[in-house]
Amino acid sequence: MIPLFLAEIEGTMPSKVPLHPAPSTTKLLIADDRLVVREGLKRIVAECPDMKIVGEAATPDEVLAQAGATKPDVVLLDLFLGGPKALGLLRELHHRHLPCRVLVLSLQGQDPDALRILSAGAAGYLGKDHSRRQLIDAIRQVARGGSYVSPSLANALITGLGAGGRRRHDVLSDREYQVLCRFGSGISYKQIAAELGVSPKTVSTYRGRIFEKLKLKSNAAIIRYAIEHHLVPVSLTAPPPRRKKTTRHSAGR
């Protein structure tokens, strides 16, 4: 069954019927660990007299602190800030009952797991193919209380769901999914346990469930699966450059 909000937005985003009037000035918090991205977003927003940057954050802790202190209307959140697909950070913002709404931005392109992100509490999602106008429209729509995904992503999600298209990892719980992504990034048991606030034994239990549900048999298989399904950032999956070995014979030529 296609989620109602996706059925309504196919090819028609942003919605023409906002849930409530937009604030006279939309307060924004930019959350991205890359300075160049934050500066680019600030330049775009500076062109809009109805928007104001009230804070910047480069880490999950900064996001939570700034969201509590500045009370933004909308958080522009990088997809991979705060761990795989920002799921933990989205849920923590919701758990703290912070009034801000979250628009997730991705530089990785279309994300087949965008529906999971929206289900975790994001009000909108934009891939790297968005224009400046789409970004501004998305911010305004989310600030009004609506939802926003780009038409191309909406069509992809609807097509996949309508055709019964499910990936093997769609059967995982959110916590299992987070562990899968972290293993896929090459993170150790202890680090995963520390990030998720659980014991290494619990992480091992999640790994066992992942093996069983995805029919995988090793950590290497998990890493390969995560890379093939774009569950980790490109920067983490790109192989390091290979260095040529220099022999005495070749060096003398």
C-alpha atoms as a PDB file:
ATOM      1  CA  MET A   1       0.000   0.000   0.000  1.00  0.00           C
ATOM      2  CA  ILE A   2       1.371   3.422  -0.988  1.00  0.00           C
ATOM      3  CA  PRO A   3       1.544   5.902   1.920  1.00  0.00           C
ATOM      4  CA  LEU A   4      -1.141   8.559   1.561  1.00  0.00           C
ATOM      5  CA  PHE A   5       1.204  11.533   1.611  1.00  0.00           C
ATOM      6  CA  LEU A   6       3.230  10.033  -1.251  1.00  0.00           C
ATOM      7  CA  ALA A   7       0.123   9.355  -3.284  1.00  0.00           C
ATOM      8  CA  GLU A   8      -0.887  12.984  -2.854  1.00  0.00           C
ATOM      9  CA  ILE A   9       2.441  14.481  -3.854  1.00  0.00           C
ATOM     10  CA  GLU A  10       3.308  12.501  -6.977  1.00  0.00           C
ATOM     11  CA  GLY A  11       4.407  15.138  -9.454  1.00  0.00           C
ATOM     12  CA  THR A  12       2.651  17.911  -7.539  1.00  0.00           C
ATOM     13  CA  MET A  13       5.140  18.999  -4.906  1.00  0.00           C
ATOM     14  CA  PRO A  14       5.018  21.378  -3.206  1.00  0.00           C
ATOM     15  CA  SER A  15       1.439  20.993  -2.003  1.00  0.00           C
ATOM     16  CA  LYS A  16      -0.841  23.901  -2.871  1.00  0.00           C
ATOM     17  CA  VAL A  17      -2.809  23.532   0.377  1.00  0.00           C
ATOM     18  CA  PRO A  18      -0.534  24.382   3.335  1.00  0.00           C
ATOM     19  CA  LEU A  19      -1.551  23.158   6.767  1.00  0.00           C
ATOM     20  CA  HIS A  20      -1.059  26.594   8.347  1.00  0.00           C
ATOM     21  CA  PRO A  21       0.367  29.995   7.379  1.00  0.00           C
ATOM     22  CA  ALA A  22       4.129  30.198   7.150  1.00  0.00           C
ATOM     23  CA  PRO A  23       5.862  32.227   9.883  1.00  0.00           C
ATOM     24  CA  SER A  24       6.622  35.809   8.844  1.00  0.00           C
ATOM     25  CA  THR A  25      10.314  34.940   9.138  1.00  0.00           C
ATOM     26  CA  THR A  26      11.338  31.296   8.955  1.00  0.00           C
ATOM     27  CA  LYS A  27      14.208  30.571  11.352  1.00  0.00           C
ATOM     28  CA  LEU A  28      16.699  28.026  10.006  1.00  0.00           C
ATOM     29  CA  LEU A  29      19.372  25.863  11.582  1.00  0.00           C
ATOM     30  CA  ILE A  30      21.945  24.510   9.105  1.00  0.00           C
ATOM     31  CA  ALA A  31      23.361  21.151  10.190  1.00  0.00           C
ATOM     32  CA  ASP A  32      26.250  19.863   8.097  1.00  0.00           C
ATOM     33  CA  ASP A  33      29.811  18.958   9.028  1.00  0.00           C
ATOM     34  CA  ARG A  34      31.208  20.566   5.848  1.00  0.00           C
ATOM     35  CA  LEU A  35      31.847  24.303   6.038  1.00  0.00           C
ATOM     36  CA  VAL A  36      31.622  24.712   2.269  1.00  0.00           C
ATOM     37  CA  VAL A  37      28.105  23.246   2.254  1.00  0.00           C
ATOM     38  CA  ARG A  38      26.967  25.457   5.123  1.00  0.00           C
ATOM     39  CA  GLU A  39      28.342  28.539   3.357  1.00  0.00           C
ATOM     40  CA  GLY A  40      26.564  27.583   0.132  1.00  0.00           C
ATOM     41  CA  LEU A  41      23.240  27.149   1.925  1.00  0.00           C
ATOM     42  CA  LYS A  42      23.681  30.480   3.688  1.00  0.00           C
ATOM     43  CA  ARG A  43      24.201  32.240   0.361  1.00  0.00           C
ATOM     44  CA  ILE A  44      21.004  30.735  -1.026  1.00  0.00           C
ATOM     45  CA  VAL A  45      18.967  31.635   2.052  1.00  0.00           C
ATOM     46  CA  ALA A  46      20.390  35.180   2.069  1.00  0.00           C
ATOM     47  CA  GLU A  47      18.414  35.830  -1.123  1.00  0.00           C
ATOM     48  CA  CYS A  48      15.121  35.260   0.730  1.00  0.00           C
ATOM     49  CA  PRO A  49      13.893  38.090   2.966  1.00  0.00           C
ATOM     50  CA  ASP A  50      11.449  35.734   4.704  1.00  0.00           C
ATOM     51  CA  MET A  51      14.216  33.444   6.007  1.00  0.00           C
ATOM     52  CA  LYS A  52      16.892  33.852   8.671  1.00  0.00           C
ATOM     53  CA  ILE A  53      19.786  31.637   9.751  1.00  0.00           C
ATOM     54  CA  VAL A  54      19.729  31.372  13.549  1.00  0.00           C
ATOM     55  CA  GLY A  55      22.408  28.728  13.981  1.00  0.00           C
ATOM     56  CA  GLU A  56      24.913  26.326  12.462  1.00  0.00           C
ATOM     57  CA  ALA A  57      25.925  22.864  13.639  1.00  0.00           C
ATOM     58  CA  ALA A  58      28.631  20.452  12.544  1.00  0.00           C
ATOM     59  CA  THR A  59      27.962  17.582  14.989  1.00  0.00           C
ATOM     60  CA  PRO A  60      24.869  15.824  16.377  1.00  0.00           C
ATOM     61  CA  ASP A  61      25.481  17.339  19.830  1.00  0.00           C
ATOM     62  CA  GLU A  62      25.646  20.806  18.297  1.00  0.00           C
ATOM     63  CA  VAL A  63      22.395  20.155  16.427  1.00  0.00           C
ATOM     64  CA  LEU A  64      20.592  19.233  19.638  1.00  0.00           C
ATOM     65  CA  ALA A  65      22.086  22.151  21.569  1.00  0.00           C
ATOM     66  CA  GLN A  66      21.369  24.691  18.837  1.00  0.00           C
ATOM     67  CA  ALA A  67      17.851  23.362  18.239  1.00  0.00           C
ATOM     68  CA  GLY A  68      17.087  23.791  21.923  1.00  0.00           C
ATOM     69  CA  ALA A  69      18.679  27.232  22.218  1.00  0.00           C
ATOM     70  CA  THR A  70      17.607  28.939  18.987  1.00  0.00           C
ATOM     71  CA  LYS A  71      14.184  27.267  18.458  1.00  0.00           C
ATOM     72  CA  PRO A  72      14.441  27.091  14.652  1.00  0.00           C
ATOM     73  CA  ASP A  73      11.354  26.486  12.536  1.00  0.00           C
ATOM     74  CA  VAL A  74      13.277  24.239  10.129  1.00  0.00           C
ATOM     75  CA  VAL A  75      16.519  22.278  10.422  1.00  0.00           C
ATOM     76  CA  LEU A  76      18.401  21.693   7.167  1.00  0.00           C
ATOM     77  CA  LEU A  77      20.032  18.365   8.042  1.00  0.00           C
ATOM     78  CA  ASP A  78      22.724  16.543   6.096  1.00  0.00           C
ATOM     79  CA  LEU A  79      21.717  12.949   5.415  1.00  0.00           C
ATOM     80  CA  PHE A  80      24.767  11.385   7.057  1.00  0.00           C
ATOM     81  CA  LEU A  81      25.221  13.711  10.044  1.00  0.00           C
ATOM     82  CA  GLY A  82      24.875  11.788  13.266  1.00  0.00           C
ATOM     83  CA  GLY A  83      25.423   8.328  11.818  1.00  0.00           C
ATOM     84  CA  PRO A  84      23.906   6.327   8.999  1.00  0.00           C
ATOM     85  CA  LYS A  85      21.042   8.201   7.369  1.00  0.00           C
ATOM     86  CA  ALA A  86      20.690  10.506  10.413  1.00  0.00           C
ATOM     87  CA  LEU A  87      18.044   8.178  11.852  1.00  0.00           C
ATOM     88  CA  GLY A  88      19.286   8.397  15.424  1.00  0.00           C
ATOM     89  CA  LEU A  89      19.455  12.184  15.342  1.00  0.00           C
ATOM     90  CA  LEU A  90      15.959  12.462  13.862  1.00  0.00           C
ATOM     91  CA  ARG A  91      14.543  10.295  16.613  1.00  0.00           C
ATOM     92  CA  GLU A  92      16.439  12.202  19.326  1.00  0.00           C
ATOM     93  CA  LEU A  93      15.027  15.518  18.096  1.00  0.00           C
ATOM     94  CA  HIS A  94      11.559  13.965  18.278  1.00  0.00           C
ATOM     95  CA  HIS A  95      12.247  12.423  21.705  1.00  0.00           C
ATOM     96  CA  ARG A  96      13.196  15.829  23.113  1.00  0.00           C
ATOM     97  CA  HIS A  97       9.937  17.314  21.794  1.00  0.00           C
ATOM     98  CA  LEU A  98      11.785  20.086  19.993  1.00  0.00           C
ATOM     99  CA  PRO A  99       9.298  22.040  17.853  1.00  0.00           C
ATOM    100  CA  CYS A 100      11.525  22.266  14.757  1.00  0.00           C
ATOM    101  CA  ARG A 101      10.751  20.403  11.550  1.00  0.00           C
ATOM    102  CA  VAL A 102      13.540  18.688   9.610  1.00  0.00           C
ATOM    103  CA  LEU A 103      14.346  18.885   5.911  1.00  0.00           C
ATOM    104  CA  VAL A 104      16.964  16.255   5.059  1.00  0.00           C
ATOM    105  CA  LEU A 105      19.456  17.129   2.317  1.00  0.00           C
ATOM    106  CA  SER A 106      21.606  14.597   0.484  1.00  0.00           C
ATOM    107  CA  LEU A 107      24.610  15.069  -1.772  1.00  0.00           C
ATOM    108  CA  GLN A 108      24.541  11.347  -2.610  1.00  0.00           C
ATOM    109  CA  GLY A 109      21.663  11.516  -5.096  1.00  0.00           C
ATOM    110  CA  GLN A 110      18.361   9.669  -4.996  1.00  0.00           C
ATOM    111  CA  ASP A 111      18.086   7.527  -1.883  1.00  0.00           C
ATOM    112  CA  PRO A 112      16.109   4.283  -2.039  1.00  0.00           C
ATOM    113  CA  ASP A 113      15.766   4.478   1.755  1.00  0.00           C
ATOM    114  CA  ALA A 114      14.188   7.939   1.800  1.00  0.00           C
ATOM    115  CA  LEU A 115      10.895   6.471   2.973  1.00  0.00           C
ATOM    116  CA  ARG A 116      12.583   5.144   6.127  1.00  0.00           C
ATOM    117  CA  ILE A 117      14.023   8.613   6.766  1.00  0.00           C
ATOM    118  CA  LEU A 118      10.611  10.238   6.363  1.00  0.00           C
ATOM    119  CA  SER A 119       9.082   7.632   8.656  1.00  0.00           C
ATOM    120  CA  ALA A 120      11.726   8.477  11.274  1.00  0.00           C
ATOM    121  CA  GLY A 121      10.408  12.022  11.523  1.00  0.00           C
ATOM    122  CA  ALA A 122      11.818  14.052   8.632  1.00  0.00           C
ATOM    123  CA  ALA A 123       9.284  16.436   7.112  1.00  0.00           C
ATOM    124  CA  GLY A 124      11.047  16.556   3.762  1.00  0.00           C
ATOM    125  CA  TYR A 125      13.864  15.104   1.682  1.00  0.00           C
ATOM    126  CA  LEU A 126      15.857  16.557  -1.209  1.00  0.00           C
ATOM    127  CA  GLY A 127      18.570  14.829  -3.230  1.00  0.00           C
ATOM    128  CA  LYS A 128      21.572  16.517  -4.826  1.00  0.00           C
ATOM    129  CA  ASP A 129      19.684  17.148  -8.051  1.00  0.00           C
ATOM    130  CA  HIS A 130      17.503  19.843  -6.503  1.00  0.00           C
ATOM    131  CA  SER A 131      17.545  23.389  -7.810  1.00  0.00           C
ATOM    132  CA  ARG A 132      17.739  26.543  -5.684  1.00  0.00           C
ATOM    133  CA  ARG A 133      14.050  27.123  -6.324  1.00  0.00           C
ATOM    134  CA  GLN A 134      13.184  23.590  -5.149  1.00  0.00           C
ATOM    135  CA  LEU A 135      15.190  24.106  -1.962  1.00  0.00           C
ATOM    136  CA  ILE A 136      13.420  27.384  -1.174  1.00  0.00           C
ATOM    137  CA  ASP A 137      10.020  25.868  -2.000  1.00  0.00           C
ATOM    138  CA  ALA A 138      10.805  22.884   0.219  1.00  0.00           C
ATOM    139  CA  ILE A 139      11.812  25.080   3.162  1.00  0.00           C
ATOM    140  CA  ARG A 140       8.634  27.131   2.872  1.00  0.00           C
ATOM    141  CA  GLN A 141       6.441  24.062   2.532  1.00  0.00           C
ATOM    142  CA  VAL A 142       8.004  22.345   5.548  1.00  0.00           C
ATOM    143  CA  ALA A 143       7.780  25.569   7.590  1.00  0.00           C
ATOM    144  CA  ARG A 144       4.018  25.624   6.925  1.00  0.00           C
ATOM    145  CA  GLY A 145       3.659  22.161   8.404  1.00  0.00           C
ATOM    146  CA  GLY A 146       3.600  20.290   5.116  1.00  0.00           C
ATOM    147  CA  SER A 147       5.793  17.522   3.704  1.00  0.00           C
ATOM    148  CA  TYR A 148       8.118  17.789   0.739  1.00  0.00           C
ATOM    149  CA  VAL A 149      10.019  15.433  -1.501  1.00  0.00           C
ATOM    150  CA  SER A 150      11.132  16.282  -5.003  1.00  0.00           C
ATOM    151  CA  PRO A 151       8.804  15.021  -7.764  1.00  0.00           C
ATOM    152  CA  SER A 152      11.503  12.697  -9.120  1.00  0.00           C
ATOM    153  CA  LEU A 153      11.982  11.052  -5.720  1.00  0.00           C
ATOM    154  CA  ALA A 154       8.234  10.851  -5.119  1.00  0.00           C
ATOM    155  CA  ASN A 155       7.770   9.084  -8.441  1.00  0.00           C
ATOM    156  CA  ALA A 156      10.614   6.675  -7.672  1.00  0.00           C
ATOM    157  CA  LEU A 157       9.187   5.835  -4.252  1.00  0.00           C
ATOM    158  CA  ILE A 158       5.661   5.376  -5.565  1.00  0.00           C
ATOM    159  CA  THR A 159       6.830   3.265  -8.492  1.00  0.00           C
ATOM    160  CA  GLY A 160       8.896   1.037  -6.223  1.00  0.00           C
ATOM    161  CA  LEU A 161       6.135   0.600  -3.644  1.00  0.00           C
ATOM    162  CA  GLY A 162       3.433   0.135  -6.249  1.00  0.00           C
ATOM    163  CA  ALA A 163       5.451  -2.574  -7.953  1.00  0.00           C
ATOM    164  CA  GLY A 164       6.049  -4.306  -4.644  1.00  0.00           C
ATOM    165  CA  GLY A 165       9.712  -3.385  -4.905  1.00  0.00           C
ATOM    166  CA  ARG A 166      11.392  -4.150  -1.593  1.00  0.00           C
ATOM    167  CA  ARG A 167      15.047  -4.489  -0.822  1.00  0.00           C
ATOM    168  CA  ARG A 168      16.221  -7.254   1.461  1.00  0.00           C
ATOM    169  CA  HIS A 169      17.114  -4.764   4.209  1.00  0.00           C
ATOM    170  CA  ASP A 170      13.569  -3.346   4.249  1.00  0.00           C
ATOM    171  CA  VAL A 171      12.707  -6.158   6.673  1.00  0.00           C
ATOM    172  CA  LEU A 172      15.178  -4.841   9.259  1.00  0.00           C
ATOM    173  CA  SER A 173      14.072  -2.819  12.257  1.00  0.00           C
ATOM    174  CA  ASP A 174      15.461   0.710  12.511  1.00  0.00           C
ATOM    175  CA  ARG A 175      18.039  -0.373  15.089  1.00  0.00           C
ATOM    176  CA  GLU A 176      19.106  -3.346  12.962  1.00  0.00           C
ATOM    177  CA  TYR A 177      19.334  -0.998   9.994  1.00  0.00           C
ATOM    178  CA  GLN A 178      21.556   1.401  11.963  1.00  0.00           C
ATOM    179  CA  VAL A 179      23.860  -1.461  12.949  1.00  0.00           C
ATOM    180  CA  LEU A 180      23.987  -2.657   9.328  1.00  0.00           C
ATOM    181  CA  CYS A 181      25.022   0.792   8.115  1.00  0.00           C
ATOM    182  CA  ARG A 182      27.645   1.163  10.822  1.00  0.00           C
ATOM    183  CA  PHE A 183      29.160  -2.235  10.091  1.00  0.00           C
ATOM    184  CA  GLY A 184      29.088  -1.264   6.433  1.00  0.00           C
ATOM    185  CA  SER A 185      31.162   1.812   7.300  1.00  0.00           C
ATOM    186  CA  GLY A 186      33.820  -0.412   8.885  1.00  0.00           C
ATOM    187  CA  ILE A 187      33.055   0.676  12.461  1.00  0.00           C
ATOM    188  CA  SER A 188      34.115  -1.667  15.281  1.00  0.00           C
ATOM    189  CA  TYR A 189      31.807  -3.443  17.742  1.00  0.00           C
ATOM    190  CA  LYS A 190      32.867  -1.198  20.616  1.00  0.00           C
ATOM    191  CA  GLN A 191      32.357   2.000  18.644  1.00  0.00           C
ATOM    192  CA  ILE A 192      28.922   0.898  17.425  1.00  0.00           C
ATOM    193  CA  ALA A 193      27.958  -0.002  20.981  1.00  0.00           C
ATOM    194  CA  ALA A 194      29.137   3.395  22.264  1.00  0.00           C
ATOM    195  CA  GLU A 195      27.295   5.315  19.531  1.00  0.00           C
ATOM    196  CA  LEU A 196      24.039   3.440  20.085  1.00  0.00           C
ATOM    197  CA  GLY A 197      24.284   3.333  23.877  1.00  0.00           C
ATOM    198  CA  VAL A 198      24.140  -0.462  24.088  1.00  0.00           C
ATOM    199  CA  SER A 199      26.561  -3.222  25.033  1.00  0.00           C
ATOM    200  CA  PRO A 200      28.861  -4.966  22.501  1.00  0.00           C
ATOM    201  CA  LYS A 201      26.881  -8.144  23.235  1.00  0.00           C
ATOM    202  CA  THR A 202      23.687  -6.408  22.093  1.00  0.00           C
ATOM    203  CA  VAL A 203      25.448  -5.271  18.912  1.00  0.00           C
ATOM    204  CA  SER A 204      26.460  -8.892  18.329  1.00  0.00           C
ATOM    205  CA  THR A 205      22.817  -9.913  18.731  1.00  0.00           C
ATOM    206  CA  TYR A 206      21.756  -7.347  16.137  1.00  0.00           C
ATOM    207  CA  ARG A 207      24.472  -8.579  13.804  1.00  0.00           C
ATOM    208  CA  GLY A 208      23.134 -12.127  14.147  1.00  0.00           C
ATOM    209  CA  ARG A 209      19.653 -10.940  13.197  1.00  0.00           C
ATOM    210  CA  ILE A 210      21.098  -9.094  10.190  1.00  0.00           C
ATOM    211  CA  PHE A 211      22.907 -12.258   9.083  1.00  0.00           C
ATOM    212  CA  GLU A 212      19.702 -14.245   9.384  1.00  0.00           C
ATOM    213  CA  LYS A 213      17.380 -11.763   7.677  1.00  0.00           C
ATOM    214  CA  LEU A 214      19.733 -10.806   4.843  1.00  0.00           C
ATOM    215  CA  LYS A 215      21.229 -14.277   4.371  1.00  0.00           C
ATOM    216  CA  LEU A 216      24.763 -12.986   4.953  1.00  0.00           C
ATOM    217  CA  LYS A 217      27.595 -14.895   6.575  1.00  0.00           C
ATOM    218  CA  SER A 218      30.419 -12.471   7.405  1.00  0.00           C
ATOM    219  CA  ASN A 219      31.290  -8.881   8.250  1.00  0.00           C
ATOM    220  CA  ALA A 220      32.870  -8.580   4.811  1.00  0.00           C
ATOM    221  CA  ALA A 221      29.535  -9.558   3.278  1.00  0.00           C
ATOM    222  CA  ILE A 222      27.801  -6.865   5.330  1.00  0.00           C
ATOM    223  CA  ILE A 223      30.274  -4.232   4.107  1.00  0.00           C
ATOM    224  CA  ARG A 224      29.824  -5.360   0.510  1.00  0.00           C
ATOM    225  CA  TYR A 225      26.024  -5.264   0.875  1.00  0.00           C
ATOM    226  CA  ALA A 226      26.095  -1.754   2.378  1.00  0.00           C
ATOM    227  CA  ILE A 227      28.282  -0.451  -0.440  1.00  0.00           C
ATOM    228  CA  GLU A 228      26.212  -2.077  -3.189  1.00  0.00           C
ATOM    229  CA  HIS A 229      22.983  -0.608  -1.758  1.00  0.00           C
ATOM    230  CA  HIS A 230      24.449   2.878  -1.119  1.00  0.00           C
ATOM    231  CA  LEU A 231      23.869   2.704   2.636  1.00  0.00           C
ATOM    232  CA  VAL A 232      27.095   4.493   3.500  1.00  0.00           C
ATOM    233  CA  PRO A 233      28.575   7.767   2.190  1.00  0.00           C
ATOM    234  CA  VAL A 234      30.627   7.601  -0.976  1.00  0.00           C
ATOM    235  CA  SER A 235      33.589   9.063   0.920  1.00  0.00           C
ATOM    236  CA  LEU A 236      33.594   6.010   3.185  1.00  0.00           C
ATOM    237  CA  THR A 237      33.357   3.469   0.389  1.00  0.00           C
ATOM    238  CA  ALA A 238      35.818   4.909  -2.098  1.00  0.00           C
ATOM    239  CA  PRO A 239      39.000   2.805  -2.122  1.00  0.00           C
ATOM    240  CA  PRO A 240      42.222   4.601  -1.222  1.00  0.00           C
ATOM    241  CA  PRO A 241      44.471   5.466  -4.182  1.00  0.00           C
ATOM    242  CA  ARG A 242      46.916   2.731  -5.015  1.00  0.00           C
ATOM    243  CA  ARG A 243      50.567   3.645  -4.878  1.00  0.00           C
ATOM    244  CA  LYS A 244      52.925   2.319  -7.467  1.00  0.00           C
ATOM    245  CA  LYS A 245      55.756   0.266  -6.144  1.00  0.00           C
ATOM    246  CA  THR A 246      59.099   1.625  -7.162  1.00  0.00           C
ATOM    247  CA  THR A 247      61.847  -0.878  -7.745  1.00  0.00           C
ATOM    248  CA  ARG A 248      65.513  -0.108  -8.003  1.00  0.00           C
ATOM    249  CA  HIS A 249      65.449  -1.210 -11.626  1.00  0.00           C
ATOM    250  CA  SER A 250      62.558   1.126 -12.597  1.00  0.00           C
ATOM    251  CA  ALA A 251      63.883   4.010 -10.492  1.00  0.00           C
ATOM    252  CA  GLY A 252      67.174   3.908 -12.363  1.00  0.00           C
ATOM    253  CA  ARG A 253      65.531   4.408 -15.734  1.00  0.00           C
END
